[in-house]
Amino acid sequence: MNASRVALLAAVVANLWGWLGPVVQDNRGWQAFRVALSPLWPYEQFRIQPGLLLVLSVASALTNVLFVGLAVWLTFTEERRAKVILWIAAAATLLNLHWPISMGEESAQLESGYFVWVCSFVLLALAAFLARPTRR
């Protein structure tokens, strides 16, 4: 197994842990996903006020779908397309890093699941970087 595949496997495991692990106040990742997506798919009594946070929240939730698509694409794509996956995964990582800023003082409530989830996007970008063809 080459380094790119190892990083991709680590990314998938980290992403799964992010979904199942504690993210905020003992809420699991899948629950955080539902809260972030609540403007489009109502979840309990959660409401996000219209504005930038609403856009960032929904976009962050949708990066989960993007993660799956990119992981599958990287698995079956040609090496020369890995650069595109690298840039998209890096952009998704940066987008997902908005939570500690957006949450302000409440960011202290973020737990390991959030950080492992963000690391899964970093690992996906690393896998794409390692999959790029080497120049000789």
N, C-alpha and C. Protein backbone atom coordinates (compact mmCIF):
# COMPACT_ATOMS: atom_id res chain seq x y z
N MET A 1 0.86 -1.17 0.00
CA MET A 1 0.00 0.00 0.00
C MET A 1 0.91 1.24 0.00
N ASN A 2 0.67 2.15 -0.93
CA ASN A 2 1.52 3.34 -1.01
C ASN A 2 1.07 4.40 0.00
N ALA A 3 1.89 5.44 0.13
CA ALA A 3 1.66 6.47 1.15
C ALA A 3 0.33 7.19 0.93
N SER A 4 -0.04 7.41 -0.31
CA SER A 4 -1.31 8.08 -0.60
C SER A 4 -2.49 7.27 -0.09
N ARG A 5 -2.45 5.97 -0.30
CA ARG A 5 -3.55 5.11 0.16
C ARG A 5 -3.61 5.05 1.68
N VAL A 6 -2.45 5.04 2.33
CA VAL A 6 -2.42 5.04 3.80
C VAL A 6 -3.05 6.33 4.33
N ALA A 7 -2.68 7.47 3.73
CA ALA A 7 -3.25 8.76 4.16
C ALA A 7 -4.75 8.80 3.89
N LEU A 8 -5.18 8.24 2.76
CA LEU A 8 -6.60 8.21 2.44
C LEU A 8 -7.36 7.35 3.45
N LEU A 9 -6.81 6.20 3.79
CA LEU A 9 -7.44 5.34 4.79
C LEU A 9 -7.51 6.05 6.14
N ALA A 10 -6.44 6.73 6.53
CA ALA A 10 -6.44 7.49 7.78
C ALA A 10 -7.49 8.60 7.74
N ALA A 11 -7.64 9.24 6.58
CA ALA A 11 -8.65 10.30 6.42
C ALA A 11 -10.06 9.75 6.62
N VAL A 12 -10.33 8.60 6.04
CA VAL A 12 -11.65 8.00 6.16
C VAL A 12 -11.93 7.60 7.61
N VAL A 13 -10.95 7.00 8.27
CA VAL A 13 -11.11 6.60 9.67
C VAL A 13 -11.34 7.84 10.55
N ALA A 14 -10.56 8.88 10.32
CA ALA A 14 -10.72 10.12 11.09
C ALA A 14 -12.09 10.74 10.84
N ASN A 15 -12.55 10.71 9.60
CA ASN A 15 -13.85 11.29 9.29
C ASN A 15 -14.96 10.51 10.00
N LEU A 16 -14.85 9.20 10.00
CA LEU A 16 -15.85 8.38 10.70
C LEU A 16 -15.83 8.67 12.20
N TRP A 17 -14.62 8.81 12.77
CA TRP A 17 -14.53 9.14 14.18
C TRP A 17 -15.17 10.50 14.45
N GLY A 18 -14.97 11.44 13.55
CA GLY A 18 -15.58 12.75 13.70
C GLY A 18 -17.10 12.68 13.72
N TRP A 19 -17.66 11.76 12.97
CA TRP A 19 -19.12 11.58 12.94
C TRP A 19 -19.64 10.93 14.21
N LEU A 20 -18.83 10.05 14.79
CA LEU A 20 -19.28 9.29 15.96
C LEU A 20 -18.80 9.85 17.28
N GLY A 21 -17.72 10.62 17.24
CA GLY A 21 -17.13 11.14 18.47
C GLY A 21 -17.85 12.38 18.98
N PRO A 22 -17.53 12.77 20.22
CA PRO A 22 -18.14 13.97 20.81
C PRO A 22 -17.60 15.23 20.13
N VAL A 23 -18.50 16.13 19.77
CA VAL A 23 -18.11 17.36 19.07
C VAL A 23 -18.33 18.58 19.95
N VAL A 24 -19.54 18.73 20.47
CA VAL A 24 -19.87 19.86 21.34
C VAL A 24 -20.80 19.34 22.44
N GLN A 25 -20.40 19.54 23.69
CA GLN A 25 -21.24 19.16 24.83
C GLN A 25 -21.84 17.76 24.68
N ASP A 26 -21.02 16.81 24.44
CA ASP A 26 -21.42 15.40 24.31
C ASP A 26 -22.33 15.11 23.12
N ASN A 27 -22.55 16.09 22.26
CA ASN A 27 -23.26 15.82 21.01
C ASN A 27 -22.27 15.22 20.02
N ARG A 28 -22.72 14.21 19.34
CA ARG A 28 -21.88 13.50 18.37
C ARG A 28 -21.81 14.29 17.06
N GLY A 29 -20.86 13.89 16.22
CA GLY A 29 -20.66 14.56 14.95
C GLY A 29 -21.89 14.56 14.07
N TRP A 30 -22.60 13.45 14.03
CA TRP A 30 -23.79 13.38 13.18
C TRP A 30 -24.86 14.37 13.68
N GLN A 31 -24.89 14.59 14.99
CA GLN A 31 -25.84 15.57 15.53
C GLN A 31 -25.40 17.00 15.16
N ALA A 32 -24.11 17.24 15.21
CA ALA A 32 -23.60 18.56 14.81
C ALA A 32 -23.88 18.81 13.33
N PHE A 33 -23.78 17.76 12.52
CA PHE A 33 -24.12 17.86 11.10
C PHE A 33 -25.57 18.29 10.93
N ARG A 34 -26.46 17.67 11.68
CA ARG A 34 -27.88 18.00 11.59
C ARG A 34 -28.15 19.43 12.05
N VAL A 35 -27.46 19.86 13.10
CA VAL A 35 -27.62 21.25 13.57
C VAL A 35 -27.12 22.21 12.49
N ALA A 36 -25.95 21.93 11.92
CA ALA A 36 -25.39 22.82 10.90
C ALA A 36 -26.27 22.87 9.66
N LEU A 37 -26.94 21.78 9.36
CA LEU A 37 -27.79 21.72 8.17
C LEU A 37 -29.24 22.07 8.48
N SER A 38 -29.52 22.43 9.73
CA SER A 38 -30.90 22.70 10.14
C SER A 38 -31.61 23.80 9.34
N PRO A 39 -30.91 24.78 8.75
CA PRO A 39 -31.65 25.74 7.91
C PRO A 39 -32.28 25.08 6.69
N LEU A 40 -31.70 23.99 6.21
CA LEU A 40 -32.26 23.28 5.05
C LEU A 40 -33.06 22.05 5.45
N TRP A 41 -32.70 21.43 6.57
CA TRP A 41 -33.31 20.20 7.03
C TRP A 41 -33.57 20.36 8.53
N PRO A 42 -34.75 20.86 8.92
CA PRO A 42 -35.02 21.18 10.33
C PRO A 42 -34.66 20.03 11.27
N TYR A 43 -34.07 20.42 12.39
CA TYR A 43 -33.64 19.46 13.41
C TYR A 43 -33.97 20.01 14.78
N GLU A 44 -34.84 19.30 15.48
CA GLU A 44 -35.30 19.69 16.81
C GLU A 44 -35.68 21.17 16.80
N GLN A 45 -35.24 21.93 17.80
CA GLN A 45 -35.60 23.35 17.86
C GLN A 45 -34.45 24.27 17.46
N PHE A 46 -33.47 23.74 16.77
CA PHE A 46 -32.32 24.56 16.40
C PHE A 46 -32.69 25.53 15.29
N ARG A 47 -32.29 26.78 15.48
CA ARG A 47 -32.50 27.82 14.48
C ARG A 47 -31.22 28.63 14.37
N ILE A 48 -30.74 28.83 13.19
CA ILE A 48 -29.58 29.68 12.96
C ILE A 48 -30.07 30.95 12.31
N GLN A 49 -29.70 32.07 12.89
CA GLN A 49 -30.15 33.36 12.39
C GLN A 49 -29.59 33.60 10.98
N PRO A 50 -30.39 34.20 10.10
CA PRO A 50 -29.91 34.50 8.75
C PRO A 50 -28.66 35.38 8.81
N GLY A 51 -27.75 35.11 7.91
CA GLY A 51 -26.52 35.88 7.85
C GLY A 51 -25.35 35.00 7.49
N LEU A 52 -24.15 35.49 7.74
CA LEU A 52 -22.94 34.77 7.36
C LEU A 52 -22.83 33.43 8.07
N LEU A 53 -23.19 33.36 9.35
CA LEU A 53 -23.11 32.09 10.08
C LEU A 53 -23.99 31.03 9.44
N LEU A 54 -25.15 31.40 8.98
CA LEU A 54 -26.04 30.45 8.32
C LEU A 54 -25.37 29.89 7.06
N VAL A 55 -24.77 30.75 6.28
CA VAL A 55 -24.10 30.32 5.04
C VAL A 55 -22.92 29.43 5.37
N LEU A 56 -22.10 29.84 6.33
CA LEU A 56 -20.93 29.03 6.72
C LEU A 56 -21.35 27.68 7.30
N SER A 57 -22.41 27.68 8.08
CA SER A 57 -22.90 26.47 8.70
C SER A 57 -23.35 25.44 7.67
N VAL A 58 -24.18 25.88 6.74
CA VAL A 58 -24.68 24.96 5.70
C VAL A 58 -23.53 24.50 4.81
N ALA A 59 -22.66 25.42 4.43
CA ALA A 59 -21.52 25.06 3.58
C ALA A 59 -20.62 24.04 4.29
N SER A 60 -20.40 24.25 5.58
CA SER A 60 -19.58 23.32 6.36
C SER A 60 -20.23 21.94 6.41
N ALA A 61 -21.52 21.90 6.62
CA ALA A 61 -22.23 20.61 6.64
C ALA A 61 -22.10 19.90 5.30
N LEU A 62 -22.20 20.66 4.22
CA LEU A 62 -22.12 20.06 2.88
C LEU A 62 -20.73 19.56 2.53
N THR A 63 -19.71 20.01 3.27
CA THR A 63 -18.37 19.47 3.01
C THR A 63 -18.28 17.98 3.34
N ASN A 64 -19.22 17.49 4.14
CA ASN A 64 -19.24 16.06 4.43
C ASN A 64 -19.57 15.25 3.18
N VAL A 65 -20.49 15.75 2.41
CA VAL A 65 -20.82 15.10 1.13
C VAL A 65 -19.62 15.22 0.20
N LEU A 66 -19.00 16.39 0.21
CA LEU A 66 -17.82 16.62 -0.60
C LEU A 66 -16.70 15.66 -0.23
N PHE A 67 -16.52 15.42 1.07
CA PHE A 67 -15.48 14.50 1.53
C PHE A 67 -15.66 13.12 0.90
N VAL A 68 -16.87 12.61 0.95
CA VAL A 68 -17.13 11.28 0.39
C VAL A 68 -16.83 11.28 -1.11
N GLY A 69 -17.32 12.29 -1.80
CA GLY A 69 -17.08 12.38 -3.24
C GLY A 69 -15.60 12.46 -3.58
N LEU A 70 -14.87 13.27 -2.83
CA LEU A 70 -13.43 13.42 -3.10
C LEU A 70 -12.67 12.14 -2.78
N ALA A 71 -13.04 11.46 -1.70
CA ALA A 71 -12.37 10.22 -1.34
C ALA A 71 -12.59 9.16 -2.42
N VAL A 72 -13.81 9.06 -2.91
CA VAL A 72 -14.10 8.09 -3.98
C VAL A 72 -13.36 8.50 -5.25
N TRP A 73 -13.39 9.79 -5.57
CA TRP A 73 -12.72 10.29 -6.77
C TRP A 73 -11.22 10.00 -6.70
N LEU A 74 -10.61 10.24 -5.53
CA LEU A 74 -9.18 9.99 -5.37
C LEU A 74 -8.86 8.51 -5.50
N THR A 75 -9.76 7.68 -5.05
CA THR A 75 -9.54 6.24 -5.14
C THR A 75 -9.49 5.76 -6.58
N PHE A 76 -10.31 6.35 -7.43
CA PHE A 76 -10.45 5.85 -8.78
C PHE A 76 -9.93 6.78 -9.87
N THR A 77 -9.32 7.89 -9.52
CA THR A 77 -8.91 8.85 -10.52
C THR A 77 -7.47 8.62 -10.99
N GLU A 78 -7.14 9.27 -12.06
CA GLU A 78 -5.77 9.27 -12.54
C GLU A 78 -4.95 10.18 -11.66
N GLU A 79 -3.66 9.90 -11.55
CA GLU A 79 -2.78 10.68 -10.68
C GLU A 79 -2.78 12.17 -11.03
N ARG A 80 -2.89 12.49 -12.30
CA ARG A 80 -2.78 13.89 -12.70
C ARG A 80 -3.96 14.73 -12.21
N ARG A 81 -5.06 14.11 -11.84
CA ARG A 81 -6.23 14.84 -11.34
C ARG A 81 -6.17 15.04 -9.82
N ALA A 82 -5.18 14.47 -9.18
CA ALA A 82 -5.08 14.57 -7.72
C ALA A 82 -4.87 16.01 -7.27
N LYS A 83 -4.27 16.85 -8.11
CA LYS A 83 -4.04 18.25 -7.73
C LYS A 83 -5.36 18.98 -7.50
N VAL A 84 -6.36 18.68 -8.30
CA VAL A 84 -7.68 19.30 -8.14
C VAL A 84 -8.28 18.87 -6.80
N ILE A 85 -8.18 17.60 -6.49
CA ILE A 85 -8.70 17.08 -5.22
C ILE A 85 -7.97 17.74 -4.05
N LEU A 86 -6.66 17.90 -4.19
CA LEU A 86 -5.85 18.55 -3.16
C LEU A 86 -6.38 19.96 -2.85
N TRP A 87 -6.62 20.75 -3.87
CA TRP A 87 -7.09 22.12 -3.67
C TRP A 87 -8.50 22.17 -3.09
N ILE A 88 -9.36 21.29 -3.54
CA ILE A 88 -10.73 21.27 -3.01
C ILE A 88 -10.73 20.84 -1.54
N ALA A 89 -9.96 19.81 -1.22
CA ALA A 89 -9.88 19.34 0.17
C ALA A 89 -9.27 20.41 1.07
N ALA A 90 -8.27 21.13 0.57
CA ALA A 90 -7.66 22.21 1.36
C ALA A 90 -8.67 23.33 1.60
N ALA A 91 -9.44 23.67 0.58
CA ALA A 91 -10.47 24.71 0.74
C ALA A 91 -11.53 24.28 1.74
N ALA A 92 -11.93 23.02 1.69
CA ALA A 92 -12.93 22.50 2.64
C ALA A 92 -12.37 22.55 4.07
N THR A 93 -11.09 22.25 4.22
CA THR A 93 -10.46 22.33 5.53
C THR A 93 -10.55 23.74 6.08
N LEU A 94 -10.18 24.71 5.25
CA LEU A 94 -10.23 26.11 5.69
C LEU A 94 -11.64 26.54 6.04
N LEU A 95 -12.60 26.11 5.24
CA LEU A 95 -14.00 26.44 5.54
C LEU A 95 -14.41 25.86 6.89
N ASN A 96 -14.05 24.63 7.14
CA ASN A 96 -14.46 23.96 8.38
C ASN A 96 -13.77 24.53 9.62
N LEU A 97 -12.70 25.26 9.41
CA LEU A 97 -12.00 25.89 10.54
C LEU A 97 -12.69 27.15 11.02
N HIS A 98 -13.82 27.50 10.42
CA HIS A 98 -14.54 28.70 10.87
C HIS A 98 -15.21 28.51 12.22
N TRP A 99 -15.48 27.26 12.61
CA TRP A 99 -16.26 27.02 13.82
C TRP A 99 -15.65 27.63 15.08
N PRO A 100 -14.36 27.44 15.37
CA PRO A 100 -13.82 28.07 16.60
C PRO A 100 -13.94 29.60 16.57
N ILE A 101 -13.87 30.19 15.39
CA ILE A 101 -14.00 31.64 15.27
C ILE A 101 -15.47 32.04 15.42
N SER A 102 -16.34 31.36 14.70
CA SER A 102 -17.77 31.69 14.72
C SER A 102 -18.40 31.47 16.08
N MET A 103 -17.91 30.48 16.81
CA MET A 103 -18.48 30.17 18.12
C MET A 103 -18.00 31.13 19.20
N GLY A 104 -16.97 31.89 18.93
CA GLY A 104 -16.47 32.86 19.91
C GLY A 104 -16.05 32.17 21.20
N GLU A 105 -16.54 32.70 22.32
CA GLU A 105 -16.17 32.15 23.63
C GLU A 105 -16.67 30.71 23.81
N GLU A 106 -17.73 30.37 23.11
CA GLU A 106 -18.27 29.01 23.22
C GLU A 106 -17.39 27.97 22.53
N SER A 107 -16.36 28.41 21.81
CA SER A 107 -15.48 27.46 21.12
C SER A 107 -14.74 26.56 22.11
N ALA A 108 -14.67 26.96 23.37
CA ALA A 108 -14.06 26.11 24.39
C ALA A 108 -14.85 24.82 24.58
N GLN A 109 -16.09 24.78 24.10
CA GLN A 109 -16.93 23.59 24.22
C GLN A 109 -16.64 22.56 23.13
N LEU A 110 -15.85 22.93 22.13
CA LEU A 110 -15.52 21.98 21.07
C LEU A 110 -14.71 20.83 21.65
N GLU A 111 -15.08 19.62 21.25
CA GLU A 111 -14.42 18.43 21.78
C GLU A 111 -13.65 17.71 20.68
N SER A 112 -13.05 16.60 21.03
CA SER A 112 -12.13 15.89 20.14
C SER A 112 -12.73 15.54 18.78
N GLY A 113 -14.00 15.20 18.73
CA GLY A 113 -14.61 14.82 17.46
C GLY A 113 -14.51 15.90 16.40
N TYR A 114 -14.67 17.16 16.81
CA TYR A 114 -14.54 18.26 15.85
C TYR A 114 -13.13 18.31 15.28
N PHE A 115 -12.13 18.25 16.15
CA PHE A 115 -10.75 18.38 15.70
C PHE A 115 -10.31 17.20 14.85
N VAL A 116 -10.76 16.01 15.20
CA VAL A 116 -10.44 14.83 14.38
C VAL A 116 -11.14 14.95 13.02
N TRP A 117 -12.37 15.45 13.02
CA TRP A 117 -13.11 15.64 11.77
C TRP A 117 -12.38 16.62 10.85
N VAL A 118 -11.92 17.74 11.38
CA VAL A 118 -11.16 18.70 10.57
C VAL A 118 -9.87 18.05 10.07
N CYS A 119 -9.22 17.29 10.92
CA CYS A 119 -7.99 16.60 10.51
C CYS A 119 -8.25 15.61 9.38
N SER A 120 -9.46 15.07 9.30
CA SER A 120 -9.76 14.14 8.20
C SER A 120 -9.67 14.85 6.86
N PHE A 121 -10.03 16.12 6.81
CA PHE A 121 -9.91 16.87 5.56
C PHE A 121 -8.44 17.17 5.25
N VAL A 122 -7.65 17.43 6.29
CA VAL A 122 -6.21 17.63 6.10
C VAL A 122 -5.58 16.35 5.57
N LEU A 123 -5.97 15.23 6.14
CA LEU A 123 -5.44 13.94 5.67
C LEU A 123 -5.87 13.63 4.24
N LEU A 124 -7.09 14.02 3.88
CA LEU A 124 -7.54 13.84 2.51
C LEU A 124 -6.70 14.68 1.56
N ALA A 125 -6.42 15.92 1.94
CA ALA A 125 -5.55 16.77 1.13
C ALA A 125 -4.14 16.17 1.03
N LEU A 126 -3.65 15.63 2.13
CA LEU A 126 -2.34 14.98 2.12
C LEU A 126 -2.33 13.78 1.18
N ALA A 127 -3.40 12.98 1.23
CA ALA A 127 -3.49 11.82 0.34
C ALA A 127 -3.45 12.26 -1.12
N ALA A 128 -4.15 13.34 -1.43
CA ALA A 128 -4.14 13.86 -2.80
C ALA A 128 -2.76 14.39 -3.17
N PHE A 129 -2.11 15.05 -2.22
CA PHE A 129 -0.75 15.56 -2.47
C PHE A 129 0.19 14.40 -2.79
N LEU A 130 0.10 13.35 -2.00
CA LEU A 130 0.98 12.20 -2.20
C LEU A 130 0.65 11.42 -3.47
N ALA A 131 -0.57 11.56 -3.96
CA ALA A 131 -0.98 10.85 -5.18
C ALA A 131 -0.55 11.57 -6.45
N ARG A 132 -0.16 12.84 -6.32
CA ARG A 132 0.24 13.59 -7.51
C ARG A 132 1.46 12.92 -8.14
N PRO A 133 1.53 12.99 -9.47
CA PRO A 133 2.71 12.41 -10.14
C PRO A 133 3.98 13.19 -9.75
N THR A 134 5.04 12.46 -9.55
CA THR A 134 6.30 13.11 -9.22
C THR A 134 6.99 13.57 -10.49
N ARG A 135 7.64 14.71 -10.40
CA ARG A 135 8.38 15.23 -11.55
C ARG A 135 9.79 14.71 -11.48
N ARG A 136 10.27 14.31 -12.61
CA ARG A 136 11.65 13.77 -12.66
C ARG A 136 12.54 14.70 -13.40
